[in-house]
Amino acid sequence: MKHKPGSVRSGKGARIDRDGAEALAVSALGFLAAEPERLDRFMALTGLAPDTLRLAAGEPGFLVAVLDHVVSDESLLLTFSANAGRPPEEALMARDLLAGPNAMGLREG
């Protein structure tokens, strides 16, 4: 089966496109925001404050940062995945897709 441009596929055949990756990242942000402890940790590690969080959310790399945070902590990743009803590797694929090929050490073209 041919690979669809703008999407990534796991070794298990799961596929996610950019829209799906963005939706998953927004879901991950909601997951973090649902628990003050989780959101506080995210803000502490990213250097964001409550008043700068909204501004940062409009920046291109923000959704990548959200997914980076979730996938960097296995326990958090597994809890998010179970909560979202999605396999953990989908968050990894979404992060890679949103970060782009240069973030993965690949050259475009």
PDB file of N, CA and C in Angstrom:
ATOM      1  N   MET A   1       0.835  -1.171   0.000  1.00  0.00           N
ATOM      2  CA  MET A   1       0.000   0.000   0.000  1.00  0.00           C
ATOM      3  C   MET A   1       0.886   1.241   0.000  1.00  0.00           C
ATOM      4  N   LYS A   2       0.547   2.230  -0.793  1.00  0.00           N
ATOM      5  CA  LYS A   2       1.333   3.437  -0.952  1.00  0.00           C
ATOM      6  C   LYS A   2       1.184   4.357   0.259  1.00  0.00           C
ATOM      7  N   HIS A   3       2.298   5.001   0.629  1.00  0.00           N
ATOM      8  CA  HIS A   3       2.312   5.941   1.753  1.00  0.00           C
ATOM      9  C   HIS A   3       1.674   7.253   1.328  1.00  0.00           C
ATOM     10  N   LYS A   4       0.737   7.738   2.114  1.00  0.00           N
ATOM     11  CA  LYS A   4       0.057   9.004   1.839  1.00  0.00           C
ATOM     12  C   LYS A   4       0.957  10.161   2.265  1.00  0.00           C
ATOM     13  N   PRO A   5       1.245  11.119   1.358  1.00  0.00           N
ATOM     14  CA  PRO A   5       2.065  12.267   1.748  1.00  0.00           C
ATOM     15  C   PRO A   5       1.414  13.023   2.905  1.00  0.00           C
ATOM     16  N   GLY A   6       2.249  13.517   3.820  1.00  0.00           N
ATOM     17  CA  GLY A   6       1.717  14.275   4.947  1.00  0.00           C
ATOM     18  C   GLY A   6       1.159  13.411   6.051  1.00  0.00           C
ATOM     19  N   SER A   7       1.500  12.130   6.036  1.00  0.00           N
ATOM     20  CA  SER A   7       1.068  11.243   7.105  1.00  0.00           C
ATOM     21  C   SER A   7       2.232  10.343   7.483  1.00  0.00           C
ATOM     22  N   VAL A   8       2.140   9.743   8.642  1.00  0.00           N
ATOM     23  CA  VAL A   8       3.137   8.771   9.071  1.00  0.00           C
ATOM     24  C   VAL A   8       2.415   7.506   9.484  1.00  0.00           C
ATOM     25  N   ARG A   9       3.131   6.405   9.390  1.00  0.00           N
ATOM     26  CA  ARG A   9       2.553   5.106   9.714  1.00  0.00           C
ATOM     27  C   ARG A   9       3.475   4.384  10.680  1.00  0.00           C
ATOM     28  N   SER A  10       2.884   3.711  11.644  1.00  0.00           N
ATOM     29  CA  SER A  10       3.672   2.924  12.590  1.00  0.00           C
ATOM     30  C   SER A  10       3.971   1.571  11.966  1.00  0.00           C
ATOM     31  N   GLY A  11       4.851   0.831  12.618  1.00  0.00           N
ATOM     32  CA  GLY A  11       5.154  -0.511  12.158  1.00  0.00           C
ATOM     33  C   GLY A  11       3.950  -1.430  12.230  1.00  0.00           C
ATOM     34  N   LYS A  12       2.948  -1.041  13.009  1.00  0.00           N
ATOM     35  CA  LYS A  12       1.742  -1.854  13.155  1.00  0.00           C
ATOM     36  C   LYS A  12       0.674  -1.457  12.144  1.00  0.00           C
ATOM     37  N   GLY A  13       0.999  -0.516  11.253  1.00  0.00           N
ATOM     38  CA  GLY A  13       0.055  -0.119  10.219  1.00  0.00           C
ATOM     39  C   GLY A  13      -0.831   1.052  10.578  1.00  0.00           C
ATOM     40  N   ALA A  14      -0.750   1.541  11.819  1.00  0.00           N
ATOM     41  CA  ALA A  14      -1.552   2.712  12.192  1.00  0.00           C
ATOM     42  C   ALA A  14      -1.042   3.920  11.423  1.00  0.00           C
ATOM     43  N   ARG A  15      -1.941   4.789  11.033  1.00  0.00           N
ATOM     44  CA  ARG A  15      -1.567   5.973  10.265  1.00  0.00           C
ATOM     45  C   ARG A  15      -2.225   7.196  10.889  1.00  0.00           C
ATOM     46  N   ILE A  16      -1.504   8.320  10.825  1.00  0.00           N
ATOM     47  CA  ILE A  16      -2.062   9.581  11.304  1.00  0.00           C
ATOM     48  C   ILE A  16      -1.629  10.680  10.345  1.00  0.00           C
ATOM     49  N   ASP A  17      -2.559  11.580  10.010  1.00  0.00           N
ATOM     50  CA  ASP A  17      -2.223  12.710   9.146  1.00  0.00           C
ATOM     51  C   ASP A  17      -2.082  13.968  10.001  1.00  0.00           C
ATOM     52  N   ARG A  18      -1.750  15.081   9.368  1.00  0.00           N
ATOM     53  CA  ARG A  18      -1.496  16.320  10.107  1.00  0.00           C
ATOM     54  C   ARG A  18      -2.716  16.762  10.921  1.00  0.00           C
ATOM     55  N   ASP A  19      -3.905  16.703  10.323  1.00  0.00           N
ATOM     56  CA  ASP A  19      -5.111  17.097  11.063  1.00  0.00           C
ATOM     57  C   ASP A  19      -5.316  16.213  12.291  1.00  0.00           C
ATOM     58  N   GLY A  20      -5.110  14.916  12.112  1.00  0.00           N
ATOM     59  CA  GLY A  20      -5.248  13.986  13.230  1.00  0.00           C
ATOM     60  C   GLY A  20      -4.198  14.229  14.295  1.00  0.00           C
ATOM     61  N   ALA A  21      -2.980  14.568  13.854  1.00  0.00           N
ATOM     62  CA  ALA A  21      -1.895  14.853  14.796  1.00  0.00           C
ATOM     63  C   ALA A  21      -2.203  16.107  15.608  1.00  0.00           C
ATOM     64  N   GLU A  22      -2.712  17.136  14.932  1.00  0.00           N
ATOM     65  CA  GLU A  22      -3.071  18.365  15.642  1.00  0.00           C
ATOM     66  C   GLU A  22      -4.213  18.110  16.627  1.00  0.00           C
ATOM     67  N   ALA A  23      -5.193  17.344  16.198  1.00  0.00           N
ATOM     68  CA  ALA A  23      -6.326  17.030  17.084  1.00  0.00           C
ATOM     69  C   ALA A  23      -5.850  16.248  18.307  1.00  0.00           C
ATOM     70  N   LEU A  24      -4.926  15.322  18.101  1.00  0.00           N
ATOM     71  CA  LEU A  24      -4.407  14.542  19.223  1.00  0.00           C
ATOM     72  C   LEU A  24      -3.620  15.444  20.181  1.00  0.00           C
ATOM     73  N   ALA A  25      -2.855  16.384  19.639  1.00  0.00           N
ATOM     74  CA  ALA A  25      -2.094  17.312  20.483  1.00  0.00           C
ATOM     75  C   ALA A  25      -3.029  18.214  21.291  1.00  0.00           C
ATOM     76  N   VAL A  26      -4.104  18.672  20.667  1.00  0.00           N
ATOM     77  CA  VAL A  26      -5.085  19.491  21.388  1.00  0.00           C
ATOM     78  C   VAL A  26      -5.736  18.657  22.493  1.00  0.00           C
ATOM     79  N   SER A  27      -6.003  17.395  22.188  1.00  0.00           N
ATOM     80  CA  SER A  27      -6.556  16.489  23.192  1.00  0.00           C
ATOM     81  C   SER A  27      -5.566  16.308  24.348  1.00  0.00           C
ATOM     82  N   ALA A  28      -4.281  16.210  24.016  1.00  0.00           N
ATOM     83  CA  ALA A  28      -3.249  16.069  25.050  1.00  0.00           C
ATOM     84  C   ALA A  28      -3.189  17.318  25.927  1.00  0.00           C
ATOM     85  N   LEU A  29      -3.349  18.489  25.322  1.00  0.00           N
ATOM     86  CA  LEU A  29      -3.369  19.724  26.107  1.00  0.00           C
ATOM     87  C   LEU A  29      -4.570  19.729  27.055  1.00  0.00           C
ATOM     88  N   GLY A  30      -5.713  19.315  26.567  1.00  0.00           N
ATOM     89  CA  GLY A  30      -6.899  19.219  27.420  1.00  0.00           C
ATOM     90  C   GLY A  30      -6.691  18.241  28.560  1.00  0.00           C
ATOM     91  N   PHE A  31      -6.016  17.141  28.255  1.00  0.00           N
ATOM     92  CA  PHE A  31      -5.690  16.139  29.269  1.00  0.00           C
ATOM     93  C   PHE A  31      -4.800  16.750  30.350  1.00  0.00           C
ATOM     94  N   LEU A  32      -3.784  17.512  29.934  1.00  0.00           N
ATOM     95  CA  LEU A  32      -2.903  18.165  30.908  1.00  0.00           C
ATOM     96  C   LEU A  32      -3.671  19.190  31.738  1.00  0.00           C
ATOM     97  N   ALA A  33      -4.518  19.959  31.075  1.00  0.00           N
ATOM     98  CA  ALA A  33      -5.255  21.029  31.753  1.00  0.00           C
ATOM     99  C   ALA A  33      -6.307  20.494  32.722  1.00  0.00           C
ATOM    100  N   ALA A  34      -6.743  19.259  32.526  1.00  0.00           N
ATOM    101  CA  ALA A  34      -7.786  18.677  33.378  1.00  0.00           C
ATOM    102  C   ALA A  34      -7.298  18.413  34.799  1.00  0.00           C
ATOM    103  N   GLU A  35      -6.001  18.304  34.976  1.00  0.00           N
ATOM    104  CA  GLU A  35      -5.414  18.050  36.298  1.00  0.00           C
ATOM    105  C   GLU A  35      -4.401  19.151  36.604  1.00  0.00           C
ATOM    106  N   PRO A  36      -4.660  19.985  37.592  1.00  0.00           N
ATOM    107  CA  PRO A  36      -3.737  21.086  37.904  1.00  0.00           C
ATOM    108  C   PRO A  36      -2.279  20.648  38.079  1.00  0.00           C
ATOM    109  N   GLU A  37      -2.050  19.491  38.700  1.00  0.00           N
ATOM    110  CA  GLU A  37      -0.671  19.007  38.881  1.00  0.00           C
ATOM    111  C   GLU A  37       0.016  18.774  37.548  1.00  0.00           C
ATOM    112  N   ARG A  38      -0.707  18.152  36.610  1.00  0.00           N
ATOM    113  CA  ARG A  38      -0.121  17.884  35.287  1.00  0.00           C
ATOM    114  C   ARG A  38       0.170  19.190  34.560  1.00  0.00           C
ATOM    115  N   LEU A  39      -0.774  20.118  34.601  1.00  0.00           N
ATOM    116  CA  LEU A  39      -0.585  21.395  33.909  1.00  0.00           C
ATOM    117  C   LEU A  39       0.544  22.197  34.556  1.00  0.00           C
ATOM    118  N   ASP A  40       0.611  22.195  35.880  1.00  0.00           N
ATOM    119  CA  ASP A  40       1.684  22.913  36.577  1.00  0.00           C
ATOM    120  C   ASP A  40       3.051  22.362  36.188  1.00  0.00           C
ATOM    121  N   ARG A  41       3.160  21.045  36.100  1.00  0.00           N
ATOM    122  CA  ARG A  41       4.440  20.435  35.714  1.00  0.00           C
ATOM    123  C   ARG A  41       4.814  20.829  34.292  1.00  0.00           C
ATOM    124  N   PHE A  42       3.852  20.780  33.370  1.00  0.00           N
ATOM    125  CA  PHE A  42       4.105  21.181  31.985  1.00  0.00           C
ATOM    126  C   PHE A  42       4.587  22.635  31.937  1.00  0.00           C
ATOM    127  N   MET A  43       3.904  23.503  32.655  1.00  0.00           N
ATOM    128  CA  MET A  43       4.288  24.919  32.637  1.00  0.00           C
ATOM    129  C   MET A  43       5.665  25.126  33.274  1.00  0.00           C
ATOM    130  N   ALA A  44       5.954  24.413  34.342  1.00  0.00           N
ATOM    131  CA  ALA A  44       7.261  24.542  34.992  1.00  0.00           C
ATOM    132  C   ALA A  44       8.382  24.087  34.063  1.00  0.00           C
ATOM    133  N   LEU A  45       8.172  22.981  33.365  1.00  0.00           N
ATOM    134  CA  LEU A  45       9.213  22.453  32.481  1.00  0.00           C
ATOM    135  C   LEU A  45       9.390  23.269  31.209  1.00  0.00           C
ATOM    136  N   THR A  46       8.336  23.942  30.773  1.00  0.00           N
ATOM    137  CA  THR A  46       8.425  24.748  29.552  1.00  0.00           C
ATOM    138  C   THR A  46       8.732  26.211  29.847  1.00  0.00           C
ATOM    139  N   GLY A  47       8.656  26.596  31.121  1.00  0.00           N
ATOM    140  CA  GLY A  47       8.900  27.984  31.479  1.00  0.00           C
ATOM    141  C   GLY A  47       7.705  28.892  31.242  1.00  0.00           C
ATOM    142  N   LEU A  48       6.556  28.297  30.976  1.00  0.00           N
ATOM    143  CA  LEU A  48       5.346  29.082  30.751  1.00  0.00           C
ATOM    144  C   LEU A  48       4.680  29.426  32.076  1.00  0.00           C
ATOM    145  N   ALA A  49       3.959  30.521  32.066  1.00  0.00           N
ATOM    146  CA  ALA A  49       3.149  30.935  33.212  1.00  0.00           C
ATOM    147  C   ALA A  49       1.704  30.984  32.742  1.00  0.00           C
ATOM    148  N   PRO A  50       0.751  30.979  33.665  1.00  0.00           N
ATOM    149  CA  PRO A  50      -0.654  31.009  33.243  1.00  0.00           C
ATOM    150  C   PRO A  50      -0.969  32.140  32.259  1.00  0.00           C
ATOM    151  N   ASP A  51      -0.361  33.304  32.469  1.00  0.00           N
ATOM    152  CA  ASP A  51      -0.660  34.427  31.582  1.00  0.00           C
ATOM    153  C   ASP A  51       0.037  34.334  30.225  1.00  0.00           C
ATOM    154  N   THR A  52       1.062  33.491  30.099  1.00  0.00           N
ATOM    155  CA  THR A  52       1.738  33.340  28.805  1.00  0.00           C
ATOM    156  C   THR A  52       1.304  32.078  28.065  1.00  0.00           C
ATOM    157  N   LEU A  53       0.585  31.213  28.752  1.00  0.00           N
ATOM    158  CA  LEU A  53       0.153  29.956  28.131  1.00  0.00           C
ATOM    159  C   LEU A  53      -0.719  30.206  26.906  1.00  0.00           C
ATOM    160  N   ARG A  54      -1.659  31.117  27.015  1.00  0.00           N
ATOM    161  CA  ARG A  54      -2.564  31.404  25.895  1.00  0.00           C
ATOM    162  C   ARG A  54      -1.788  31.955  24.694  1.00  0.00           C
ATOM    163  N   LEU A  55      -0.831  32.839  24.941  1.00  0.00           N
ATOM    164  CA  LEU A  55      -0.009  33.374  23.850  1.00  0.00           C
ATOM    165  C   LEU A  55       0.828  32.277  23.212  1.00  0.00           C
ATOM    166  N   ALA A  56       1.427  31.439  24.041  1.00  0.00           N
ATOM    167  CA  ALA A  56       2.270  30.358  23.534  1.00  0.00           C
ATOM    168  C   ALA A  56       1.470  29.377  22.690  1.00  0.00           C
ATOM    169  N   ALA A  57       0.213  29.182  23.047  1.00  0.00           N
ATOM    170  CA  ALA A  57      -0.626  28.223  22.317  1.00  0.00           C
ATOM    171  C   ALA A  57      -0.774  28.598  20.847  1.00  0.00           C
ATOM    172  N   GLY A  58      -0.581  29.848  20.506  1.00  0.00           N
ATOM    173  CA  GLY A  58      -0.675  30.277  19.115  1.00  0.00           C
ATOM    174  C   GLY A  58       0.610  30.107  18.330  1.00  0.00           C
ATOM    175  N   GLU A  59       1.675  29.717  18.995  1.00  0.00           N
ATOM    176  CA  GLU A  59       2.969  29.550  18.332  1.00  0.00           C
ATOM    177  C   GLU A  59       3.039  28.206  17.614  1.00  0.00           C
ATOM    178  N   PRO A  60       3.741  28.176  16.461  1.00  0.00           N
ATOM    179  CA  PRO A  60       3.798  26.944  15.662  1.00  0.00           C
ATOM    180  C   PRO A  60       4.309  25.705  16.406  1.00  0.00           C
ATOM    181  N   GLY A  61       5.287  25.858  17.275  1.00  0.00           N
ATOM    182  CA  GLY A  61       5.855  24.697  17.953  1.00  0.00           C
ATOM    183  C   GLY A  61       5.140  24.275  19.221  1.00  0.00           C
ATOM    184  N   PHE A  62       4.076  24.965  19.583  1.00  0.00           N
ATOM    185  CA  PHE A  62       3.424  24.683  20.859  1.00  0.00           C
ATOM    186  C   PHE A  62       2.862  23.268  20.926  1.00  0.00           C
ATOM    187  N   LEU A  63       2.162  22.835  19.885  1.00  0.00           N
ATOM    188  CA  LEU A  63       1.574  21.491  19.919  1.00  0.00           C
ATOM    189  C   LEU A  63       2.654  20.418  19.967  1.00  0.00           C
ATOM    190  N   VAL A  64       3.794  20.683  19.323  1.00  0.00           N
ATOM    191  CA  VAL A  64       4.921  19.746  19.406  1.00  0.00           C
ATOM    192  C   VAL A  64       5.412  19.685  20.853  1.00  0.00           C
ATOM    193  N   ALA A  65       5.498  20.845  21.508  1.00  0.00           N
ATOM    194  CA  ALA A  65       5.948  20.880  22.905  1.00  0.00           C
ATOM    195  C   ALA A  65       5.004  20.102  23.812  1.00  0.00           C
ATOM    196  N   VAL A  66       3.706  20.215  23.555  1.00  0.00           N
ATOM    197  CA  VAL A  66       2.725  19.469  24.352  1.00  0.00           C
ATOM    198  C   VAL A  66       2.974  17.972  24.191  1.00  0.00           C
ATOM    199  N   LEU A  67       3.108  17.525  22.942  1.00  0.00           N
ATOM    200  CA  LEU A  67       3.327  16.093  22.710  1.00  0.00           C
ATOM    201  C   LEU A  67       4.697  15.647  23.204  1.00  0.00           C
ATOM    202  N   ASP A  68       5.724  16.495  23.055  1.00  0.00           N
ATOM    203  CA  ASP A  68       7.047  16.173  23.609  1.00  0.00           C
ATOM    204  C   ASP A  68       6.933  15.886  25.102  1.00  0.00           C
ATOM    205  N   HIS A  69       6.198  16.741  25.778  1.00  0.00           N
ATOM    206  CA  HIS A  69       6.031  16.583  27.226  1.00  0.00           C
ATOM    207  C   HIS A  69       5.329  15.262  27.553  1.00  0.00           C
ATOM    208  N   VAL A  70       4.276  14.967  26.846  1.00  0.00           N
ATOM    209  CA  VAL A  70       3.509  13.743  27.128  1.00  0.00           C
ATOM    210  C   VAL A  70       4.340  12.502  26.835  1.00  0.00           C
ATOM    211  N   VAL A  71       5.027  12.469  25.693  1.00  0.00           N
ATOM    212  CA  VAL A  71       5.760  11.249  25.331  1.00  0.00           C
ATOM    213  C   VAL A  71       7.060  11.092  26.110  1.00  0.00           C
ATOM    214  N   SER A  72       7.530  12.162  26.763  1.00  0.00           N
ATOM    215  CA  SER A  72       8.786  12.060  27.511  1.00  0.00           C
ATOM    216  C   SER A  72       8.618  11.361  28.859  1.00  0.00           C
ATOM    217  N   ASP A  73       7.392  11.159  29.272  1.00  0.00           N
ATOM    218  CA  ASP A  73       7.097  10.520  30.560  1.00  0.00           C
ATOM    219  C   ASP A  73       6.198   9.317  30.281  1.00  0.00           C
ATOM    220  N   GLU A  74       6.775   8.120  30.385  1.00  0.00           N
ATOM    221  CA  GLU A  74       6.033   6.913  30.007  1.00  0.00           C
ATOM    222  C   GLU A  74       4.714   6.771  30.762  1.00  0.00           C
ATOM    223  N   SER A  75       4.732   7.051  32.046  1.00  0.00           N
ATOM    224  CA  SER A  75       3.510   6.940  32.838  1.00  0.00           C
ATOM    225  C   SER A  75       2.446   7.920  32.336  1.00  0.00           C
ATOM    226  N   LEU A  76       2.869   9.151  32.069  1.00  0.00           N
ATOM    227  CA  LEU A  76       1.946  10.164  31.548  1.00  0.00           C
ATOM    228  C   LEU A  76       1.423   9.753  30.174  1.00  0.00           C
ATOM    229  N   LEU A  77       2.309   9.248  29.325  1.00  0.00           N
ATOM    230  CA  LEU A  77       1.916   8.796  27.988  1.00  0.00           C
ATOM    231  C   LEU A  77       0.881   7.681  28.066  1.00  0.00           C
ATOM    232  N   LEU A  78       1.119   6.712  28.918  1.00  0.00           N
ATOM    233  CA  LEU A  78       0.184   5.590  29.034  1.00  0.00           C
ATOM    234  C   LEU A  78      -1.160   6.032  29.607  1.00  0.00           C
ATOM    235  N   THR A  79      -1.126   6.950  30.563  1.00  0.00           N
ATOM    236  CA  THR A  79      -2.376   7.463  31.133  1.00  0.00           C
ATOM    237  C   THR A  79      -3.145   8.258  30.086  1.00  0.00           C
ATOM    238  N   PHE A  80      -2.447   9.134  29.354  1.00  0.00           N
ATOM    239  CA  PHE A  80      -3.100   9.905  28.295  1.00  0.00           C
ATOM    240  C   PHE A  80      -3.690   8.980  27.238  1.00  0.00           C
ATOM    241  N   SER A  81      -2.917   7.999  26.801  1.00  0.00           N
ATOM    242  CA  SER A  81      -3.374   7.085  25.750  1.00  0.00           C
ATOM    243  C   SER A  81      -4.614   6.319  26.180  1.00  0.00           C
ATOM    244  N   ALA A  82      -4.606   5.838  27.412  1.00  0.00           N
ATOM    245  CA  ALA A  82      -5.775   5.119  27.927  1.00  0.00           C
ATOM    246  C   ALA A  82      -6.979   6.051  28.000  1.00  0.00           C
ATOM    247  N   ASN A  83      -6.750   7.274  28.458  1.00  0.00           N
ATOM    248  CA  ASN A  83      -7.816   8.268  28.575  1.00  0.00           C
ATOM    249  C   ASN A  83      -8.391   8.630  27.204  1.00  0.00           C
ATOM    250  N   ALA A  84      -7.518   8.732  26.201  1.00  0.00           N
ATOM    251  CA  ALA A  84      -7.939   9.113  24.850  1.00  0.00           C
ATOM    252  C   ALA A  84      -8.440   7.922  24.038  1.00  0.00           C
ATOM    253  N   GLY A  85      -8.195   6.710  24.548  1.00  0.00           N
ATOM    254  CA  GLY A  85      -8.593   5.519  23.802  1.00  0.00           C
ATOM    255  C   GLY A  85      -7.780   5.324  22.532  1.00  0.00           C
ATOM    256  N   ARG A  86      -6.516   5.755  22.578  1.00  0.00           N
ATOM    257  CA  ARG A  86      -5.628   5.670  21.419  1.00  0.00           C
ATOM    258  C   ARG A  86      -4.356   4.934  21.822  1.00  0.00           C
ATOM    259  N   PRO A  87      -3.723   4.227  20.906  1.00  0.00           N
ATOM    260  CA  PRO A  87      -2.468   3.553  21.254  1.00  0.00           C
ATOM    261  C   PRO A  87      -1.355   4.576  21.510  1.00  0.00           C
ATOM    262  N   PRO A  88      -0.449   4.291  22.440  1.00  0.00           N
ATOM    263  CA  PRO A  88       0.628   5.233  22.766  1.00  0.00           C
ATOM    264  C   PRO A  88       1.467   5.645  21.558  1.00  0.00           C
ATOM    265  N   GLU A  89       1.679   4.722  20.624  1.00  0.00           N
ATOM    266  CA  GLU A  89       2.517   5.065  19.470  1.00  0.00           C
ATOM    267  C   GLU A  89       1.900   6.165  18.606  1.00  0.00           C
ATOM    268  N   GLU A  90       0.600   6.375  18.711  1.00  0.00           N
ATOM    269  CA  GLU A  90      -0.035   7.459  17.951  1.00  0.00           C
ATOM    270  C   GLU A  90       0.465   8.817  18.418  1.00  0.00           C
ATOM    271  N   ALA A  91       0.681   8.980  19.710  1.00  0.00           N
ATOM    272  CA  ALA A  91       1.211  10.250  20.220  1.00  0.00           C
ATOM    273  C   ALA A  91       2.626  10.472  19.700  1.00  0.00           C
ATOM    274  N   LEU A  92       3.407   9.405  19.629  1.00  0.00           N
ATOM    275  CA  LEU A  92       4.765   9.506  19.088  1.00  0.00           C
ATOM    276  C   LEU A  92       4.728   9.873  17.607  1.00  0.00           C
ATOM    277  N   MET A  93       3.851   9.223  16.855  1.00  0.00           N
ATOM    278  CA  MET A  93       3.727   9.522  15.424  1.00  0.00           C
ATOM    279  C   MET A  93       3.260  10.958  15.223  1.00  0.00           C
ATOM    280  N   ALA A  94       2.300  11.403  16.025  1.00  0.00           N
ATOM    281  CA  ALA A  94       1.780  12.767  15.909  1.00  0.00           C
ATOM    282  C   ALA A  94       2.882  13.776  16.203  1.00  0.00           C
ATOM    283  N   ARG A  95       3.660  13.517  17.226  1.00  0.00           N
ATOM    284  CA  ARG A  95       4.765  14.409  17.576  1.00  0.00           C
ATOM    285  C   ARG A  95       5.757  14.493  16.429  1.00  0.00           C
ATOM    286  N   ASP A  96       6.133  13.359  15.860  1.00  0.00           N
ATOM    287  CA  ASP A  96       7.090  13.341  14.750  1.00  0.00           C
ATOM    288  C   ASP A  96       6.542  14.067  13.527  1.00  0.00           C
ATOM    289  N   LEU A  97       5.277  13.855  13.235  1.00  0.00           N
ATOM    290  CA  LEU A  97       4.669  14.492  12.069  1.00  0.00           C
ATOM    291  C   LEU A  97       4.618  16.010  12.245  1.00  0.00           C
ATOM    292  N   LEU A  98       4.196  16.477  13.401  1.00  0.00           N
ATOM    293  CA  LEU A  98       4.100  17.918  13.633  1.00  0.00           C
ATOM    294  C   LEU A  98       5.475  18.580  13.701  1.00  0.00           C
ATOM    295  N   ALA A  99       6.470  17.858  14.206  1.00  0.00           N
ATOM    296  CA  ALA A  99       7.822  18.408  14.303  1.00  0.00           C
ATOM    297  C   ALA A  99       8.458  18.542  12.928  1.00  0.00           C
ATOM    298  N   GLY A 100       8.063  17.682  11.997  1.00  0.00           N
ATOM    299  CA  GLY A 100       8.601  17.743  10.641  1.00  0.00           C
ATOM    300  C   GLY A 100       9.866  16.928  10.490  1.00  0.00           C
ATOM    301  N   PRO A 101      10.269  16.718   9.248  1.00  0.00           N
ATOM    302  CA  PRO A 101      11.419  15.853   8.970  1.00  0.00           C
ATOM    303  C   PRO A 101      12.736  16.400   9.510  1.00  0.00           C
ATOM    304  N   ASN A 102      12.906  17.711   9.568  1.00  0.00           N
ATOM    305  CA  ASN A 102      14.162  18.263  10.069  1.00  0.00           C
ATOM    306  C   ASN A 102      14.365  17.973  11.543  1.00  0.00           C
ATOM    307  N   ALA A 103      13.285  17.889  12.293  1.00  0.00           N
ATOM    308  CA  ALA A 103      13.385  17.580  13.718  1.00  0.00           C
ATOM    309  C   ALA A 103      13.801  16.135  13.935  1.00  0.00           C
ATOM    310  N   MET A 104      13.560  15.293  12.925  1.00  0.00           N
ATOM    311  CA  MET A 104      13.918  13.881  13.036  1.00  0.00           C
ATOM    312  C   MET A 104      15.268  13.605  12.382  1.00  0.00           C
ATOM    313  N   GLY A 105      15.982  14.664  11.967  1.00  0.00           N
ATOM    314  CA  GLY A 105      17.289  14.480  11.356  1.00  0.00           C
ATOM    315  C   GLY A 105      17.215  14.062   9.900  1.00  0.00           C
ATOM    316  N   LEU A 106      16.095  14.277   9.255  1.00  0.00           N
ATOM    317  CA  LEU A 106      15.930  13.913   7.853  1.00  0.00           C
ATOM    318  C   LEU A 106      15.925  15.164   6.993  1.00  0.00           C
ATOM    319  N   ARG A 107      16.330  14.998   5.768  1.00  0.00           N
ATOM    320  CA  ARG A 107      16.274  16.110   4.827  1.00  0.00           C
ATOM    321  C   ARG A 107      15.062  15.963   3.945  1.00  0.00           C
ATOM    322  N   GLU A 108      14.430  17.090   3.642  1.00  0.00           N
ATOM    323  CA  GLU A 108      13.286  17.057   2.736  1.00  0.00           C
ATOM    324  C   GLU A 108      13.802  16.955   1.311  1.00  0.00           C
ATOM    325  N   GLY A 109      12.957  16.364   0.462  1.00  0.00           N
ATOM    326  CA  GLY A 109      13.270  16.322  -0.965  1.00  0.00           C
ATOM    327  C   GLY A 109      13.888  15.085  -1.312  1.00  0.00           C
TER     328      GLY A 109
END
